[in-house]
Amino acid sequence: MMLEQITTQTVIDAERFDLRPLRRSDMGLIELYAGDERVARMTTSIPHPYPPGAAEAFVTRVMAPDRKEDVWAIDGTKSGESEVLGLISLKKMDRNQSEVGYWVAPLFWNTGMASEAVQALVEANPQGNATMFASVFQDNLASARVLTHCGFAYLGDAEVYSVARDATVPTWTYSRKL
């Protein structure tokens, strides 16, 4: 008999919410929020329209023991909010580095949720990284402010393909030494 080692994710406490690993019951809210064109257009990988089964496939992938990315739900139940306010992730890179990704449901835009989530993730540093990177589309000034507010420094310009936009989009890249 061979035992599989399952990589676990810690729950990260923030003032207004917890960052917790995804669970299957999150699929409905992920589908609802990711299906919003305003969310999809600010990401590289969320298609619009959001296809049936995409949330299930995503949750299954990020719950797998061999995943390359740790994803947390921004869970607001301790403040009387929804179980999923958005998602935040760390994609493992080489040389003790990770890339931060996040989105927040439009209902919670301009409330400081994204800044609080990024700051909580940076402070917890659950992968023990030496450096975290992030990039944002140049037309997403709010996300750029989130990163600079959380101590990320501008590195330079790049571009990346966005599935929802079906186009290559200019980005700003940031890093934070830990």
N, C-alpha and C. Protein backbone atom coordinates (compact mmCIF):
# COMPACT_ATOMS: atom_id res chain seq x y z
N MET A 1 0.84 -1.18 0.00
CA MET A 1 0.00 0.00 0.00
C MET A 1 0.89 1.24 0.00
N MET A 2 0.57 2.18 -0.86
CA MET A 2 1.34 3.42 -0.96
C MET A 2 0.50 4.56 -0.41
N LEU A 3 1.08 5.34 0.48
CA LEU A 3 0.39 6.48 1.05
C LEU A 3 0.76 7.74 0.28
N GLU A 4 -0.25 8.53 -0.05
CA GLU A 4 0.00 9.80 -0.72
C GLU A 4 0.19 10.89 0.32
N GLN A 5 1.14 11.76 0.06
CA GLN A 5 1.31 12.92 0.93
C GLN A 5 0.46 14.05 0.38
N ILE A 6 -0.45 14.55 1.20
CA ILE A 6 -1.32 15.63 0.78
C ILE A 6 -0.79 16.94 1.35
N THR A 7 -0.56 17.88 0.46
CA THR A 7 -0.09 19.19 0.88
C THR A 7 -1.29 19.97 1.41
N THR A 8 -1.18 20.45 2.63
CA THR A 8 -2.29 21.20 3.21
C THR A 8 -2.01 22.69 3.14
N GLN A 9 -3.07 23.45 3.18
CA GLN A 9 -2.97 24.90 3.21
C GLN A 9 -3.46 25.36 4.57
N THR A 10 -2.80 26.35 5.09
CA THR A 10 -3.22 26.91 6.36
C THR A 10 -4.36 27.89 6.16
N VAL A 11 -5.14 28.10 7.21
CA VAL A 11 -6.14 29.16 7.23
C VAL A 11 -5.43 30.41 7.74
N ILE A 12 -5.61 31.51 7.05
CA ILE A 12 -4.94 32.76 7.40
C ILE A 12 -5.99 33.73 7.91
N ASP A 13 -5.78 34.22 9.10
CA ASP A 13 -6.74 35.11 9.75
C ASP A 13 -6.46 36.56 9.36
N ALA A 14 -7.50 37.27 8.95
CA ALA A 14 -7.44 38.71 8.71
C ALA A 14 -8.52 39.34 9.59
N GLU A 15 -8.53 40.64 9.66
CA GLU A 15 -9.47 41.31 10.56
C GLU A 15 -10.93 41.04 10.20
N ARG A 16 -11.28 41.20 8.93
CA ARG A 16 -12.69 41.09 8.53
C ARG A 16 -13.07 39.75 7.92
N PHE A 17 -12.08 38.90 7.64
CA PHE A 17 -12.35 37.64 6.96
C PHE A 17 -11.21 36.67 7.23
N ASP A 18 -11.39 35.45 6.79
CA ASP A 18 -10.34 34.44 6.82
C ASP A 18 -10.00 34.06 5.38
N LEU A 19 -8.75 33.76 5.15
CA LEU A 19 -8.34 33.16 3.88
C LEU A 19 -8.27 31.67 4.17
N ARG A 20 -9.10 30.91 3.51
CA ARG A 20 -9.17 29.47 3.77
C ARG A 20 -9.11 28.71 2.45
N PRO A 21 -8.63 27.46 2.51
CA PRO A 21 -8.60 26.64 1.29
C PRO A 21 -9.99 26.50 0.70
N LEU A 22 -10.04 26.32 -0.60
CA LEU A 22 -11.33 26.15 -1.27
C LEU A 22 -11.96 24.83 -0.86
N ARG A 23 -13.27 24.78 -0.97
CA ARG A 23 -14.03 23.56 -0.77
C ARG A 23 -15.07 23.46 -1.89
N ARG A 24 -15.57 22.30 -2.10
CA ARG A 24 -16.51 22.07 -3.20
C ARG A 24 -17.74 22.97 -3.11
N SER A 25 -18.16 23.30 -1.90
CA SER A 25 -19.35 24.14 -1.74
C SER A 25 -19.13 25.58 -2.24
N ASP A 26 -17.89 25.95 -2.56
CA ASP A 26 -17.59 27.29 -3.07
C ASP A 26 -17.91 27.44 -4.56
N MET A 27 -18.16 26.34 -5.23
CA MET A 27 -18.31 26.38 -6.70
C MET A 27 -19.40 27.34 -7.17
N GLY A 28 -20.53 27.38 -6.49
CA GLY A 28 -21.63 28.24 -6.93
C GLY A 28 -21.27 29.71 -6.91
N LEU A 29 -20.65 30.17 -5.81
CA LEU A 29 -20.27 31.58 -5.72
C LEU A 29 -19.11 31.91 -6.66
N ILE A 30 -18.19 30.97 -6.83
CA ILE A 30 -17.10 31.20 -7.78
C ILE A 30 -17.69 31.35 -9.18
N GLU A 31 -18.62 30.49 -9.54
CA GLU A 31 -19.26 30.58 -10.86
C GLU A 31 -20.00 31.90 -11.02
N LEU A 32 -20.70 32.33 -9.98
CA LEU A 32 -21.44 33.59 -10.03
C LEU A 32 -20.50 34.77 -10.25
N TYR A 33 -19.47 34.88 -9.41
CA TYR A 33 -18.58 36.03 -9.48
C TYR A 33 -17.65 35.97 -10.70
N ALA A 34 -17.08 34.79 -10.99
CA ALA A 34 -16.19 34.67 -12.14
C ALA A 34 -16.95 34.85 -13.45
N GLY A 35 -18.26 34.60 -13.42
CA GLY A 35 -19.09 34.80 -14.60
C GLY A 35 -19.39 36.26 -14.89
N ASP A 36 -19.04 37.15 -13.96
CA ASP A 36 -19.24 38.58 -14.16
C ASP A 36 -18.12 39.09 -15.09
N GLU A 37 -18.50 39.69 -16.19
CA GLU A 37 -17.51 40.14 -17.17
C GLU A 37 -16.49 41.10 -16.56
N ARG A 38 -16.91 41.92 -15.59
CA ARG A 38 -15.98 42.87 -14.97
C ARG A 38 -14.85 42.15 -14.24
N VAL A 39 -15.13 41.00 -13.66
CA VAL A 39 -14.10 40.20 -12.99
C VAL A 39 -13.23 39.52 -14.04
N ALA A 40 -13.86 38.82 -14.97
CA ALA A 40 -13.13 38.05 -15.98
C ALA A 40 -12.16 38.92 -16.77
N ARG A 41 -12.59 40.13 -17.15
CA ARG A 41 -11.75 41.00 -17.97
C ARG A 41 -10.49 41.49 -17.26
N MET A 42 -10.44 41.38 -15.95
CA MET A 42 -9.25 41.82 -15.22
C MET A 42 -8.33 40.67 -14.84
N THR A 43 -8.59 39.48 -15.42
CA THR A 43 -7.76 38.31 -15.17
C THR A 43 -7.19 37.79 -16.49
N THR A 44 -6.19 36.96 -16.36
CA THR A 44 -5.63 36.34 -17.56
C THR A 44 -6.39 35.07 -17.94
N SER A 45 -6.93 34.34 -16.97
CA SER A 45 -7.39 32.99 -17.25
C SER A 45 -8.89 32.74 -17.16
N ILE A 46 -9.67 33.68 -16.65
CA ILE A 46 -11.12 33.44 -16.56
C ILE A 46 -11.77 33.81 -17.88
N PRO A 47 -12.43 32.84 -18.53
CA PRO A 47 -13.09 33.14 -19.80
C PRO A 47 -14.42 33.86 -19.56
N HIS A 48 -14.85 34.59 -20.57
CA HIS A 48 -16.19 35.17 -20.53
C HIS A 48 -16.82 34.98 -21.90
N PRO A 49 -18.00 34.38 -21.99
CA PRO A 49 -18.81 33.92 -20.86
C PRO A 49 -18.17 32.71 -20.17
N TYR A 50 -18.48 32.59 -18.89
CA TYR A 50 -17.92 31.52 -18.05
C TYR A 50 -18.65 30.22 -18.39
N PRO A 51 -17.93 29.21 -18.87
CA PRO A 51 -18.61 28.00 -19.35
C PRO A 51 -19.11 27.10 -18.21
N PRO A 52 -20.18 26.36 -18.47
CA PRO A 52 -20.66 25.40 -17.48
C PRO A 52 -19.56 24.41 -17.13
N GLY A 53 -19.44 24.09 -15.86
CA GLY A 53 -18.44 23.12 -15.40
C GLY A 53 -17.08 23.73 -15.11
N ALA A 54 -16.86 24.99 -15.47
CA ALA A 54 -15.53 25.60 -15.26
C ALA A 54 -15.20 25.74 -13.78
N ALA A 55 -16.18 26.11 -12.96
CA ALA A 55 -15.92 26.26 -11.53
C ALA A 55 -15.58 24.90 -10.90
N GLU A 56 -16.29 23.87 -11.30
CA GLU A 56 -16.01 22.53 -10.78
C GLU A 56 -14.60 22.09 -11.17
N ALA A 57 -14.23 22.31 -12.42
CA ALA A 57 -12.89 21.93 -12.89
C ALA A 57 -11.81 22.71 -12.14
N PHE A 58 -12.04 24.01 -11.93
CA PHE A 58 -11.08 24.85 -11.21
C PHE A 58 -10.91 24.37 -9.77
N VAL A 59 -12.01 24.17 -9.06
CA VAL A 59 -11.94 23.74 -7.66
C VAL A 59 -11.27 22.37 -7.56
N THR A 60 -11.60 21.46 -8.45
CA THR A 60 -10.97 20.14 -8.45
C THR A 60 -9.46 20.26 -8.64
N ARG A 61 -9.05 21.11 -9.58
CA ARG A 61 -7.62 21.30 -9.87
C ARG A 61 -6.87 21.87 -8.67
N VAL A 62 -7.44 22.89 -8.03
CA VAL A 62 -6.70 23.54 -6.94
C VAL A 62 -6.79 22.77 -5.62
N MET A 63 -7.64 21.76 -5.56
CA MET A 63 -7.70 20.90 -4.37
C MET A 63 -6.81 19.66 -4.52
N ALA A 64 -6.27 19.45 -5.71
CA ALA A 64 -5.45 18.26 -5.97
C ALA A 64 -4.14 18.31 -5.20
N PRO A 65 -3.68 17.16 -4.72
CA PRO A 65 -2.42 17.14 -3.96
C PRO A 65 -1.20 17.59 -4.77
N ASP A 66 -1.23 17.42 -6.10
CA ASP A 66 -0.08 17.78 -6.93
C ASP A 66 -0.23 19.16 -7.57
N ARG A 67 -1.07 20.01 -6.98
CA ARG A 67 -1.31 21.34 -7.54
C ARG A 67 -0.03 22.19 -7.55
N LYS A 68 0.01 23.15 -8.44
CA LYS A 68 1.14 24.07 -8.55
C LYS A 68 0.80 25.43 -7.97
N GLU A 69 -0.43 25.56 -7.49
CA GLU A 69 -0.93 26.85 -7.02
C GLU A 69 -1.79 26.62 -5.79
N ASP A 70 -1.57 27.40 -4.75
CA ASP A 70 -2.43 27.37 -3.57
C ASP A 70 -3.45 28.50 -3.71
N VAL A 71 -4.73 28.17 -3.56
CA VAL A 71 -5.80 29.15 -3.71
C VAL A 71 -6.62 29.18 -2.43
N TRP A 72 -6.91 30.39 -1.97
CA TRP A 72 -7.72 30.59 -0.77
C TRP A 72 -8.98 31.37 -1.13
N ALA A 73 -10.09 31.01 -0.49
CA ALA A 73 -11.30 31.82 -0.57
C ALA A 73 -11.15 32.94 0.44
N ILE A 74 -11.58 34.12 0.07
CA ILE A 74 -11.69 35.23 1.01
C ILE A 74 -13.07 35.06 1.64
N ASP A 75 -13.09 34.47 2.83
CA ASP A 75 -14.33 34.03 3.49
C ASP A 75 -14.75 35.06 4.55
N GLY A 76 -15.85 35.75 4.30
CA GLY A 76 -16.30 36.82 5.18
C GLY A 76 -17.32 36.41 6.22
N THR A 77 -17.51 35.11 6.46
CA THR A 77 -18.56 34.69 7.39
C THR A 77 -18.36 35.23 8.80
N LYS A 78 -17.14 35.45 9.23
CA LYS A 78 -16.93 35.95 10.60
C LYS A 78 -17.39 37.40 10.76
N SER A 79 -17.62 38.09 9.64
CA SER A 79 -18.14 39.46 9.68
C SER A 79 -19.57 39.53 9.16
N GLY A 80 -20.21 38.36 9.02
CA GLY A 80 -21.58 38.34 8.52
C GLY A 80 -21.70 38.50 7.02
N GLU A 81 -20.61 38.33 6.31
CA GLU A 81 -20.61 38.45 4.84
C GLU A 81 -20.66 37.06 4.21
N SER A 82 -20.52 37.02 2.93
CA SER A 82 -20.56 35.79 2.14
C SER A 82 -19.37 34.88 2.43
N GLU A 83 -19.55 33.60 2.15
CA GLU A 83 -18.45 32.63 2.30
C GLU A 83 -17.34 32.85 1.29
N VAL A 84 -17.67 33.48 0.17
CA VAL A 84 -16.66 33.78 -0.85
C VAL A 84 -16.85 35.23 -1.27
N LEU A 85 -15.86 36.07 -0.92
CA LEU A 85 -15.86 37.47 -1.34
C LEU A 85 -14.96 37.63 -2.57
N GLY A 86 -14.11 36.65 -2.78
CA GLY A 86 -13.15 36.64 -3.88
C GLY A 86 -12.17 35.51 -3.64
N LEU A 87 -11.12 35.47 -4.43
CA LEU A 87 -10.08 34.45 -4.30
C LEU A 87 -8.72 35.12 -4.31
N ILE A 88 -7.76 34.45 -3.66
CA ILE A 88 -6.37 34.90 -3.69
C ILE A 88 -5.50 33.66 -3.81
N SER A 89 -4.40 33.76 -4.56
CA SER A 89 -3.59 32.58 -4.81
C SER A 89 -2.10 32.89 -4.78
N LEU A 90 -1.34 31.83 -4.60
CA LEU A 90 0.12 31.86 -4.73
C LEU A 90 0.51 30.74 -5.68
N LYS A 91 1.07 31.11 -6.83
CA LYS A 91 1.56 30.12 -7.79
C LYS A 91 3.05 29.94 -7.55
N LYS A 92 3.44 28.71 -7.29
CA LYS A 92 4.84 28.41 -6.98
C LYS A 92 5.73 28.63 -8.20
N MET A 93 6.86 29.28 -7.94
CA MET A 93 7.87 29.52 -8.97
C MET A 93 9.17 28.91 -8.47
N ASP A 94 10.21 28.97 -9.26
CA ASP A 94 11.50 28.46 -8.80
C ASP A 94 12.20 29.49 -7.91
N ARG A 95 13.30 29.12 -7.32
CA ARG A 95 14.15 29.97 -6.48
C ARG A 95 13.39 30.61 -5.31
N ASN A 96 12.49 29.83 -4.69
CA ASN A 96 11.80 30.27 -3.47
C ASN A 96 10.96 31.54 -3.71
N GLN A 97 10.24 31.54 -4.82
CA GLN A 97 9.41 32.67 -5.20
C GLN A 97 8.01 32.19 -5.55
N SER A 98 7.05 33.09 -5.46
CA SER A 98 5.66 32.80 -5.87
C SER A 98 5.07 34.03 -6.53
N GLU A 99 4.01 33.78 -7.31
CA GLU A 99 3.27 34.86 -7.94
C GLU A 99 1.89 34.96 -7.28
N VAL A 100 1.55 36.15 -6.83
CA VAL A 100 0.26 36.41 -6.19
C VAL A 100 -0.76 36.74 -7.27
N GLY A 101 -1.94 36.18 -7.13
CA GLY A 101 -3.06 36.52 -7.99
C GLY A 101 -4.30 36.69 -7.11
N TYR A 102 -5.20 37.55 -7.50
CA TYR A 102 -6.40 37.76 -6.69
C TYR A 102 -7.49 38.42 -7.51
N TRP A 103 -8.70 38.19 -7.08
CA TRP A 103 -9.85 38.96 -7.58
C TRP A 103 -10.88 39.02 -6.46
N VAL A 104 -11.64 40.09 -6.47
CA VAL A 104 -12.68 40.32 -5.48
C VAL A 104 -13.98 40.55 -6.24
N ALA A 105 -15.08 40.02 -5.71
CA ALA A 105 -16.38 40.22 -6.34
C ALA A 105 -16.70 41.71 -6.41
N PRO A 106 -17.31 42.17 -7.50
CA PRO A 106 -17.60 43.60 -7.66
C PRO A 106 -18.36 44.24 -6.50
N LEU A 107 -19.20 43.48 -5.84
CA LEU A 107 -19.94 44.00 -4.69
C LEU A 107 -19.00 44.53 -3.60
N PHE A 108 -17.77 43.99 -3.55
CA PHE A 108 -16.82 44.34 -2.50
C PHE A 108 -15.66 45.20 -3.01
N TRP A 109 -15.77 45.71 -4.23
CA TRP A 109 -14.75 46.62 -4.75
C TRP A 109 -14.75 47.90 -3.93
N ASN A 110 -13.59 48.50 -3.81
CA ASN A 110 -13.39 49.77 -3.10
C ASN A 110 -13.76 49.70 -1.62
N THR A 111 -13.58 48.51 -1.04
CA THR A 111 -13.84 48.34 0.40
C THR A 111 -12.57 47.99 1.17
N GLY A 112 -11.43 47.88 0.47
CA GLY A 112 -10.18 47.50 1.11
C GLY A 112 -10.00 46.00 1.25
N MET A 113 -10.94 45.20 0.75
CA MET A 113 -10.86 43.74 0.87
C MET A 113 -9.62 43.20 0.17
N ALA A 114 -9.35 43.65 -1.04
CA ALA A 114 -8.19 43.13 -1.78
C ALA A 114 -6.90 43.48 -1.06
N SER A 115 -6.77 44.72 -0.59
CA SER A 115 -5.56 45.12 0.14
C SER A 115 -5.38 44.29 1.40
N GLU A 116 -6.46 44.10 2.13
CA GLU A 116 -6.38 43.32 3.37
C GLU A 116 -6.01 41.87 3.08
N ALA A 117 -6.55 41.30 2.00
CA ALA A 117 -6.24 39.92 1.65
C ALA A 117 -4.78 39.77 1.22
N VAL A 118 -4.30 40.68 0.38
CA VAL A 118 -2.90 40.60 -0.06
C VAL A 118 -1.97 40.79 1.14
N GLN A 119 -2.25 41.76 1.99
CA GLN A 119 -1.41 42.01 3.16
C GLN A 119 -1.39 40.80 4.09
N ALA A 120 -2.54 40.17 4.31
CA ALA A 120 -2.60 38.99 5.18
C ALA A 120 -1.79 37.84 4.59
N LEU A 121 -1.86 37.67 3.27
CA LEU A 121 -1.11 36.60 2.62
C LEU A 121 0.39 36.86 2.70
N VAL A 122 0.79 38.10 2.48
CA VAL A 122 2.21 38.46 2.56
C VAL A 122 2.74 38.23 3.98
N GLU A 123 1.99 38.69 4.97
CA GLU A 123 2.44 38.54 6.35
C GLU A 123 2.51 37.07 6.77
N ALA A 124 1.57 36.26 6.33
CA ALA A 124 1.58 34.83 6.68
C ALA A 124 2.68 34.09 5.92
N ASN A 125 2.94 34.50 4.68
CA ASN A 125 3.95 33.88 3.82
C ASN A 125 3.89 32.35 3.95
N PRO A 126 2.76 31.73 3.60
CA PRO A 126 2.56 30.31 3.86
C PRO A 126 3.50 29.38 3.10
N GLN A 127 4.09 29.84 2.01
CA GLN A 127 5.04 29.00 1.27
C GLN A 127 6.48 29.29 1.67
N GLY A 128 6.68 30.21 2.60
CA GLY A 128 8.03 30.55 3.04
C GLY A 128 8.87 31.17 1.93
N ASN A 129 8.27 32.00 1.11
CA ASN A 129 8.96 32.60 -0.03
C ASN A 129 9.94 33.70 0.40
N ALA A 130 10.95 33.89 -0.44
CA ALA A 130 11.87 35.01 -0.28
C ALA A 130 11.33 36.23 -1.03
N THR A 131 10.58 35.98 -2.11
CA THR A 131 10.03 37.04 -2.94
C THR A 131 8.66 36.64 -3.46
N MET A 132 7.77 37.61 -3.52
CA MET A 132 6.48 37.43 -4.17
C MET A 132 6.39 38.42 -5.32
N PHE A 133 5.82 37.98 -6.42
CA PHE A 133 5.60 38.81 -7.59
C PHE A 133 4.10 38.95 -7.83
N ALA A 134 3.72 39.95 -8.56
CA ALA A 134 2.34 40.11 -9.02
C ALA A 134 2.35 41.01 -10.23
N SER A 135 1.35 40.84 -11.08
CA SER A 135 1.21 41.76 -12.20
C SER A 135 -0.26 42.11 -12.34
N VAL A 136 -0.50 43.30 -12.87
CA VAL A 136 -1.86 43.79 -13.09
C VAL A 136 -1.94 44.40 -14.48
N PHE A 137 -3.14 44.37 -15.04
CA PHE A 137 -3.34 45.04 -16.31
C PHE A 137 -3.21 46.53 -16.10
N GLN A 138 -2.63 47.21 -17.07
CA GLN A 138 -2.39 48.64 -16.93
C GLN A 138 -3.67 49.46 -16.87
N ASP A 139 -4.79 48.90 -17.26
CA ASP A 139 -6.07 49.61 -17.13
C ASP A 139 -6.78 49.26 -15.82
N ASN A 140 -6.09 48.59 -14.91
CA ASN A 140 -6.66 48.24 -13.60
C ASN A 140 -5.88 48.98 -12.50
N LEU A 141 -6.09 50.28 -12.43
CA LEU A 141 -5.35 51.11 -11.47
C LEU A 141 -5.65 50.72 -10.03
N ALA A 142 -6.86 50.25 -9.75
CA ALA A 142 -7.20 49.85 -8.37
C ALA A 142 -6.31 48.71 -7.91
N SER A 143 -6.06 47.72 -8.77
CA SER A 143 -5.18 46.61 -8.39
C SER A 143 -3.74 47.06 -8.24
N ALA A 144 -3.31 48.00 -9.06
CA ALA A 144 -1.96 48.54 -8.92
C ALA A 144 -1.82 49.21 -7.56
N ARG A 145 -2.85 49.96 -7.13
CA ARG A 145 -2.81 50.61 -5.81
C ARG A 145 -2.79 49.58 -4.69
N VAL A 146 -3.50 48.47 -4.85
CA VAL A 146 -3.49 47.39 -3.85
C VAL A 146 -2.05 46.92 -3.64
N LEU A 147 -1.35 46.66 -4.72
CA LEU A 147 0.02 46.13 -4.61
C LEU A 147 0.97 47.14 -3.99
N THR A 148 0.92 48.38 -4.43
CA THR A 148 1.84 49.37 -3.84
C THR A 148 1.49 49.63 -2.38
N HIS A 149 0.21 49.62 -2.05
CA HIS A 149 -0.22 49.78 -0.66
C HIS A 149 0.34 48.66 0.22
N CYS A 150 0.51 47.47 -0.35
CA CYS A 150 1.00 46.31 0.40
C CYS A 150 2.51 46.14 0.30
N GLY A 151 3.21 47.16 -0.17
CA GLY A 151 4.67 47.14 -0.16
C GLY A 151 5.33 46.55 -1.38
N PHE A 152 4.59 46.29 -2.43
CA PHE A 152 5.18 45.77 -3.66
C PHE A 152 5.80 46.94 -4.42
N ALA A 153 6.94 46.67 -5.03
CA ALA A 153 7.66 47.69 -5.80
C ALA A 153 7.52 47.40 -7.29
N TYR A 154 7.34 48.44 -8.07
CA TYR A 154 7.20 48.33 -9.52
C TYR A 154 8.51 47.80 -10.12
N LEU A 155 8.40 46.80 -11.00
CA LEU A 155 9.57 46.24 -11.68
C LEU A 155 9.64 46.66 -13.14
N GLY A 156 8.49 46.69 -13.82
CA GLY A 156 8.53 47.04 -15.23
C GLY A 156 7.24 46.67 -15.94
N ASP A 157 7.25 46.93 -17.23
CA ASP A 157 6.09 46.66 -18.08
C ASP A 157 6.28 45.31 -18.77
N ALA A 158 5.16 44.68 -19.06
CA ALA A 158 5.16 43.44 -19.82
C ALA A 158 3.81 43.36 -20.53
N GLU A 159 3.50 42.20 -21.04
CA GLU A 159 2.18 41.97 -21.59
C GLU A 159 1.85 40.50 -21.46
N VAL A 160 0.54 40.22 -21.41
CA VAL A 160 0.07 38.85 -21.22
C VAL A 160 -1.26 38.69 -21.94
N TYR A 161 -1.56 37.47 -22.30
CA TYR A 161 -2.82 37.21 -22.99
C TYR A 161 -3.96 37.07 -21.98
N SER A 162 -5.08 37.70 -22.25
CA SER A 162 -6.29 37.59 -21.44
C SER A 162 -7.33 36.80 -22.22
N VAL A 163 -7.78 35.70 -21.63
CA VAL A 163 -8.78 34.85 -22.28
C VAL A 163 -10.09 35.61 -22.48
N ALA A 164 -10.55 36.33 -21.46
CA ALA A 164 -11.83 37.04 -21.56
C ALA A 164 -11.78 38.14 -22.61
N ARG A 165 -10.64 38.78 -22.75
CA ARG A 165 -10.52 39.87 -23.72
C ARG A 165 -10.13 39.35 -25.11
N ASP A 166 -9.64 38.11 -25.16
CA ASP A 166 -9.14 37.53 -26.39
C ASP A 166 -8.12 38.46 -27.03
N ALA A 167 -7.19 38.93 -26.16
CA ALA A 167 -6.19 39.90 -26.63
C ALA A 167 -4.98 39.88 -25.69
N THR A 168 -3.88 40.36 -26.22
CA THR A 168 -2.69 40.58 -25.40
C THR A 168 -2.86 41.94 -24.73
N VAL A 169 -2.62 41.97 -23.42
CA VAL A 169 -2.90 43.17 -22.63
C VAL A 169 -1.61 43.64 -21.94
N PRO A 170 -1.30 44.94 -21.98
CA PRO A 170 -0.12 45.44 -21.27
C PRO A 170 -0.31 45.33 -19.76
N THR A 171 0.78 44.97 -19.07
CA THR A 171 0.75 44.81 -17.61
C THR A 171 1.86 45.60 -16.95
N TRP A 172 1.70 45.81 -15.66
CA TRP A 172 2.76 46.29 -14.78
C TRP A 172 3.11 45.14 -13.86
N THR A 173 4.40 44.91 -13.66
CA THR A 173 4.86 43.83 -12.80
C THR A 173 5.47 44.42 -11.53
N TYR A 174 5.19 43.77 -10.41
CA TYR A 174 5.63 44.22 -9.09
C TYR A 174 6.28 43.07 -8.35
N SER A 175 7.13 43.40 -7.37
CA SER A 175 7.72 42.37 -6.51
C SER A 175 7.77 42.87 -5.07
N ARG A 176 7.85 41.91 -4.17
CA ARG A 176 7.99 42.23 -2.75
C ARG A 176 8.95 41.23 -2.14
N LYS A 177 10.07 41.73 -1.60
CA LYS A 177 11.02 40.89 -0.89
C LYS A 177 10.48 40.62 0.51
N LEU A 178 10.64 39.41 0.97
CA LEU A 178 10.11 39.04 2.29
C LEU A 178 11.24 38.70 3.25
